[in-house]
Amino acid sequence: MIALVIALALSANPGVTRTADSLAAPRVQPVVMMADPAPVLAGVAVTLECTAHTDGKVDGCSVLGETHPGMGFGAAAIALMNGSEVEPGPRDVQFARTIQFTP
């Protein structure tokens, strides 16, 4: 009687029976690890305040704000503006300019 109950239980649940496939070693899928790409700096901007003199020369620039501080964009923006020229005017003028750096 017990043998009949076990036989019925095994036939009712086919996942319990052993087959040739279940004896084989499990298949292992290889895991491929890819390195993260280097981040692209997009939207880098530096706002400067400079002085335009009556002869058209620009100097005295200082950084008012920058999107990525400490990465050298502020110094690069100052180097771009200091020594540049604008149209001469009747008096010295202070102005602000935002420089956008694009990759």
N, C-alpha and C. Protein backbone atom coordinates (compact mmCIF):
# COMPACT_ATOMS: atom_id res chain seq x y z
N MET A 1 0.81 -1.18 0.00
CA MET A 1 0.00 0.00 0.00
C MET A 1 0.87 1.27 0.00
N ILE A 2 1.94 1.25 0.80
CA ILE A 2 2.83 2.40 0.85
C ILE A 2 3.51 2.59 -0.51
N ALA A 3 3.88 1.53 -1.15
CA ALA A 3 4.51 1.61 -2.46
C ALA A 3 3.58 2.25 -3.46
N LEU A 4 2.26 1.93 -3.35
CA LEU A 4 1.27 2.52 -4.26
C LEU A 4 1.17 4.03 -4.03
N VAL A 5 1.19 4.48 -2.79
CA VAL A 5 1.10 5.92 -2.47
C VAL A 5 2.35 6.64 -3.01
N ILE A 6 3.52 6.06 -2.85
CA ILE A 6 4.74 6.68 -3.34
C ILE A 6 4.73 6.75 -4.87
N ALA A 7 4.28 5.68 -5.51
CA ALA A 7 4.21 5.66 -6.97
C ALA A 7 3.25 6.73 -7.46
N LEU A 8 2.11 6.91 -6.81
CA LEU A 8 1.15 7.94 -7.20
C LEU A 8 1.72 9.35 -6.97
N ALA A 9 2.43 9.53 -5.87
CA ALA A 9 3.02 10.83 -5.58
C ALA A 9 4.08 11.19 -6.62
N LEU A 10 4.88 10.24 -7.02
CA LEU A 10 5.90 10.50 -8.02
C LEU A 10 5.31 10.78 -9.39
N SER A 11 4.25 10.10 -9.73
CA SER A 11 3.63 10.33 -11.03
C SER A 11 2.84 11.63 -11.05
N ALA A 12 2.35 12.10 -9.91
CA ALA A 12 1.59 13.34 -9.85
C ALA A 12 2.49 14.57 -9.93
N ASN A 13 3.75 14.48 -9.51
CA ASN A 13 4.68 15.59 -9.52
C ASN A 13 5.88 15.21 -10.38
N PRO A 14 5.84 15.54 -11.68
CA PRO A 14 6.93 15.11 -12.55
C PRO A 14 8.27 15.79 -12.25
N GLY A 15 8.29 16.89 -11.50
CA GLY A 15 9.53 17.57 -11.17
C GLY A 15 10.38 16.79 -10.18
N VAL A 16 9.79 15.82 -9.50
CA VAL A 16 10.51 15.06 -8.50
C VAL A 16 11.30 13.92 -9.14
N THR A 17 10.84 13.44 -10.27
CA THR A 17 11.49 12.29 -10.91
C THR A 17 12.84 12.71 -11.46
N ARG A 18 13.76 11.79 -11.54
CA ARG A 18 15.09 12.05 -12.06
C ARG A 18 15.13 11.63 -13.51
N THR A 19 15.65 12.50 -14.33
CA THR A 19 15.82 12.19 -15.74
C THR A 19 17.29 12.33 -16.07
N ALA A 20 17.64 12.00 -17.29
CA ALA A 20 19.03 12.12 -17.72
C ALA A 20 19.48 13.57 -17.70
N ASP A 21 18.55 14.52 -18.01
CA ASP A 21 18.90 15.94 -18.00
C ASP A 21 19.22 16.45 -16.59
N SER A 22 18.51 15.92 -15.59
CA SER A 22 18.73 16.42 -14.23
C SER A 22 20.04 15.90 -13.66
N LEU A 23 20.61 14.84 -14.25
CA LEU A 23 21.88 14.32 -13.77
C LEU A 23 23.06 15.09 -14.34
N ALA A 24 22.84 15.80 -15.44
CA ALA A 24 23.93 16.55 -16.06
C ALA A 24 24.28 17.76 -15.20
N ALA A 25 25.49 18.23 -15.35
CA ALA A 25 25.94 19.41 -14.60
C ALA A 25 25.16 20.64 -15.07
N PRO A 26 24.85 21.55 -14.16
CA PRO A 26 24.12 22.76 -14.57
C PRO A 26 24.96 23.61 -15.51
N ARG A 27 24.30 24.26 -16.41
CA ARG A 27 24.99 25.14 -17.35
C ARG A 27 25.30 26.48 -16.69
N VAL A 28 26.51 26.93 -16.86
CA VAL A 28 26.94 28.19 -16.27
C VAL A 28 27.08 29.20 -17.40
N GLN A 29 26.38 30.33 -17.26
CA GLN A 29 26.47 31.40 -18.24
C GLN A 29 27.59 32.35 -17.83
N PRO A 30 28.52 32.65 -18.75
CA PRO A 30 29.60 33.57 -18.38
C PRO A 30 29.05 34.98 -18.18
N VAL A 31 29.62 35.68 -17.23
CA VAL A 31 29.26 37.06 -16.94
C VAL A 31 30.33 37.96 -17.52
N VAL A 32 29.93 38.87 -18.38
CA VAL A 32 30.88 39.79 -19.00
C VAL A 32 30.77 41.13 -18.30
N MET A 33 31.87 41.57 -17.70
CA MET A 33 31.90 42.86 -17.02
C MET A 33 32.53 43.88 -17.96
N MET A 34 31.81 44.96 -18.21
CA MET A 34 32.33 46.02 -19.08
C MET A 34 32.63 47.23 -18.22
N ALA A 35 33.72 47.87 -18.52
CA ALA A 35 34.10 49.09 -17.79
C ALA A 35 33.16 50.22 -18.18
N ASP A 36 32.85 51.07 -17.21
CA ASP A 36 32.02 52.24 -17.50
C ASP A 36 32.80 53.20 -18.38
N PRO A 37 32.14 53.78 -19.39
CA PRO A 37 32.85 54.74 -20.23
C PRO A 37 33.17 56.00 -19.43
N ALA A 38 34.20 56.69 -19.85
CA ALA A 38 34.58 57.93 -19.18
C ALA A 38 33.46 58.95 -19.35
N PRO A 39 33.11 59.67 -18.29
CA PRO A 39 32.03 60.64 -18.41
C PRO A 39 32.41 61.80 -19.31
N VAL A 40 31.46 62.23 -20.09
CA VAL A 40 31.67 63.38 -20.97
C VAL A 40 31.16 64.61 -20.23
N LEU A 41 32.00 65.61 -20.14
CA LEU A 41 31.59 66.85 -19.49
C LEU A 41 30.78 67.67 -20.48
N ALA A 42 29.51 67.71 -20.26
CA ALA A 42 28.62 68.49 -21.12
C ALA A 42 28.06 69.65 -20.30
N GLY A 43 27.90 70.76 -20.94
CA GLY A 43 27.31 71.90 -20.25
C GLY A 43 28.24 72.60 -19.29
N VAL A 44 29.51 72.66 -19.61
CA VAL A 44 30.47 73.36 -18.76
C VAL A 44 30.39 74.85 -19.08
N ALA A 45 30.16 75.66 -18.05
CA ALA A 45 30.03 77.10 -18.25
C ALA A 45 30.76 77.84 -17.12
N VAL A 46 31.36 78.96 -17.49
CA VAL A 46 32.04 79.82 -16.51
C VAL A 46 31.56 81.25 -16.75
N THR A 47 31.14 81.91 -15.67
CA THR A 47 30.72 83.31 -15.76
C THR A 47 31.83 84.18 -15.16
N LEU A 48 32.25 85.15 -15.96
CA LEU A 48 33.34 86.05 -15.56
C LEU A 48 32.82 87.48 -15.43
N GLU A 49 33.53 88.25 -14.61
CA GLU A 49 33.35 89.70 -14.57
C GLU A 49 34.67 90.31 -14.99
N CYS A 50 34.62 91.19 -15.99
CA CYS A 50 35.84 91.80 -16.54
C CYS A 50 35.66 93.31 -16.67
N THR A 51 36.75 93.98 -16.94
CA THR A 51 36.74 95.42 -17.18
C THR A 51 37.21 95.70 -18.60
N ALA A 52 36.41 96.47 -19.34
CA ALA A 52 36.79 96.92 -20.68
C ALA A 52 37.22 98.38 -20.54
N HIS A 53 38.45 98.67 -20.95
CA HIS A 53 39.00 100.03 -20.82
C HIS A 53 38.66 100.86 -22.06
N THR A 54 38.92 102.16 -21.95
CA THR A 54 38.58 103.08 -23.04
C THR A 54 39.34 102.78 -24.33
N ASP A 55 40.50 102.12 -24.22
CA ASP A 55 41.26 101.77 -25.43
C ASP A 55 40.79 100.43 -26.03
N GLY A 56 39.82 99.75 -25.38
CA GLY A 56 39.28 98.51 -25.91
C GLY A 56 39.89 97.25 -25.32
N LYS A 57 40.93 97.39 -24.50
CA LYS A 57 41.57 96.23 -23.89
C LYS A 57 40.73 95.72 -22.71
N VAL A 58 40.67 94.39 -22.58
CA VAL A 58 39.93 93.75 -21.49
C VAL A 58 40.93 93.14 -20.53
N ASP A 59 40.72 93.40 -19.22
CA ASP A 59 41.55 92.77 -18.19
C ASP A 59 40.79 92.78 -16.87
N GLY A 60 41.45 92.35 -15.83
CA GLY A 60 40.84 92.33 -14.50
C GLY A 60 39.70 91.34 -14.38
N CYS A 61 39.76 90.26 -15.11
CA CYS A 61 38.67 89.28 -15.07
C CYS A 61 38.76 88.41 -13.81
N SER A 62 37.59 88.10 -13.26
CA SER A 62 37.50 87.19 -12.13
C SER A 62 36.27 86.29 -12.33
N VAL A 63 36.33 85.12 -11.74
CA VAL A 63 35.26 84.14 -11.89
C VAL A 63 34.12 84.47 -10.94
N LEU A 64 32.91 84.62 -11.48
CA LEU A 64 31.72 84.81 -10.66
C LEU A 64 31.07 83.47 -10.32
N GLY A 65 31.16 82.52 -11.24
CA GLY A 65 30.56 81.20 -11.01
C GLY A 65 30.98 80.24 -12.11
N GLU A 66 31.00 78.95 -11.78
CA GLU A 66 31.32 77.93 -12.77
C GLU A 66 30.59 76.64 -12.43
N THR A 67 30.29 75.87 -13.46
CA THR A 67 29.51 74.64 -13.25
C THR A 67 30.36 73.48 -12.74
N HIS A 68 31.65 73.46 -13.03
CA HIS A 68 32.54 72.38 -12.59
C HIS A 68 33.77 73.00 -11.91
N PRO A 69 33.62 73.50 -10.69
CA PRO A 69 34.75 74.16 -10.03
C PRO A 69 35.88 73.17 -9.74
N GLY A 70 37.09 73.71 -9.78
CA GLY A 70 38.26 72.92 -9.45
C GLY A 70 38.80 72.09 -10.60
N MET A 71 38.24 72.22 -11.78
CA MET A 71 38.71 71.43 -12.92
C MET A 71 39.51 72.27 -13.92
N GLY A 72 39.75 73.54 -13.61
CA GLY A 72 40.59 74.38 -14.47
C GLY A 72 39.84 75.19 -15.52
N PHE A 73 38.52 75.05 -15.58
CA PHE A 73 37.77 75.81 -16.57
C PHE A 73 37.73 77.30 -16.24
N GLY A 74 37.72 77.64 -14.96
CA GLY A 74 37.74 79.04 -14.57
C GLY A 74 39.01 79.73 -15.02
N ALA A 75 40.15 79.09 -14.79
CA ALA A 75 41.43 79.66 -15.21
C ALA A 75 41.51 79.76 -16.73
N ALA A 76 40.96 78.77 -17.44
CA ALA A 76 40.97 78.81 -18.90
C ALA A 76 40.12 79.96 -19.42
N ALA A 77 38.98 80.19 -18.79
CA ALA A 77 38.11 81.29 -19.22
C ALA A 77 38.79 82.65 -18.98
N ILE A 78 39.46 82.79 -17.85
CA ILE A 78 40.19 84.04 -17.57
C ILE A 78 41.28 84.25 -18.60
N ALA A 79 42.00 83.19 -18.94
CA ALA A 79 43.07 83.30 -19.94
C ALA A 79 42.50 83.69 -21.31
N LEU A 80 41.30 83.22 -21.63
CA LEU A 80 40.68 83.59 -22.90
C LEU A 80 40.28 85.07 -22.95
N MET A 81 39.78 85.59 -21.84
CA MET A 81 39.25 86.96 -21.84
C MET A 81 40.31 88.02 -21.58
N ASN A 82 41.24 87.78 -20.66
CA ASN A 82 42.27 88.78 -20.36
C ASN A 82 43.11 89.01 -21.61
N GLY A 83 43.24 90.26 -22.00
CA GLY A 83 44.02 90.62 -23.18
C GLY A 83 43.21 90.66 -24.46
N SER A 84 41.96 90.25 -24.38
CA SER A 84 41.13 90.37 -25.59
C SER A 84 40.73 91.83 -25.78
N GLU A 85 40.12 92.11 -26.91
CA GLU A 85 39.74 93.50 -27.20
C GLU A 85 38.27 93.60 -27.55
N VAL A 86 37.69 94.73 -27.15
CA VAL A 86 36.32 95.07 -27.53
C VAL A 86 36.36 96.44 -28.19
N GLU A 87 35.23 96.88 -28.67
CA GLU A 87 35.19 98.20 -29.28
C GLU A 87 35.43 99.27 -28.22
N PRO A 88 36.33 100.22 -28.48
CA PRO A 88 36.62 101.27 -27.50
C PRO A 88 35.38 102.09 -27.16
N GLY A 89 35.33 102.54 -25.91
CA GLY A 89 34.20 103.34 -25.46
C GLY A 89 34.67 104.60 -24.77
N PRO A 90 33.75 105.48 -24.36
CA PRO A 90 34.12 106.74 -23.74
C PRO A 90 34.63 106.58 -22.30
N ARG A 91 34.33 105.43 -21.65
CA ARG A 91 34.77 105.23 -20.26
C ARG A 91 34.98 103.74 -20.00
N ASP A 92 35.66 103.42 -18.91
CA ASP A 92 35.85 102.02 -18.52
C ASP A 92 34.50 101.42 -18.12
N VAL A 93 34.29 100.18 -18.51
CA VAL A 93 33.01 99.51 -18.24
C VAL A 93 33.29 98.13 -17.67
N GLN A 94 32.58 97.79 -16.60
CA GLN A 94 32.64 96.42 -16.10
C GLN A 94 31.48 95.65 -16.72
N PHE A 95 31.76 94.41 -17.11
CA PHE A 95 30.71 93.58 -17.73
C PHE A 95 30.90 92.13 -17.29
N ALA A 96 29.85 91.38 -17.44
CA ALA A 96 29.89 89.95 -17.15
C ALA A 96 29.69 89.19 -18.44
N ARG A 97 30.38 88.07 -18.55
CA ARG A 97 30.28 87.23 -19.75
C ARG A 97 30.30 85.78 -19.30
N THR A 98 29.43 84.95 -19.89
CA THR A 98 29.43 83.53 -19.64
C THR A 98 30.04 82.81 -20.84
N ILE A 99 31.03 81.99 -20.58
CA ILE A 99 31.71 81.24 -21.62
C ILE A 99 31.28 79.78 -21.49
N GLN A 100 30.78 79.22 -22.58
CA GLN A 100 30.37 77.81 -22.64
C GLN A 100 31.50 76.99 -23.25
N PHE A 101 31.91 75.93 -22.58
CA PHE A 101 32.91 75.00 -23.10
C PHE A 101 32.16 73.78 -23.63
N THR A 102 32.46 73.38 -24.86
CA THR A 102 31.81 72.21 -25.44
C THR A 102 32.85 71.15 -25.77
N PRO A 103 32.48 69.86 -25.62
CA PRO A 103 33.45 68.81 -25.92
C PRO A 103 33.69 68.67 -27.40
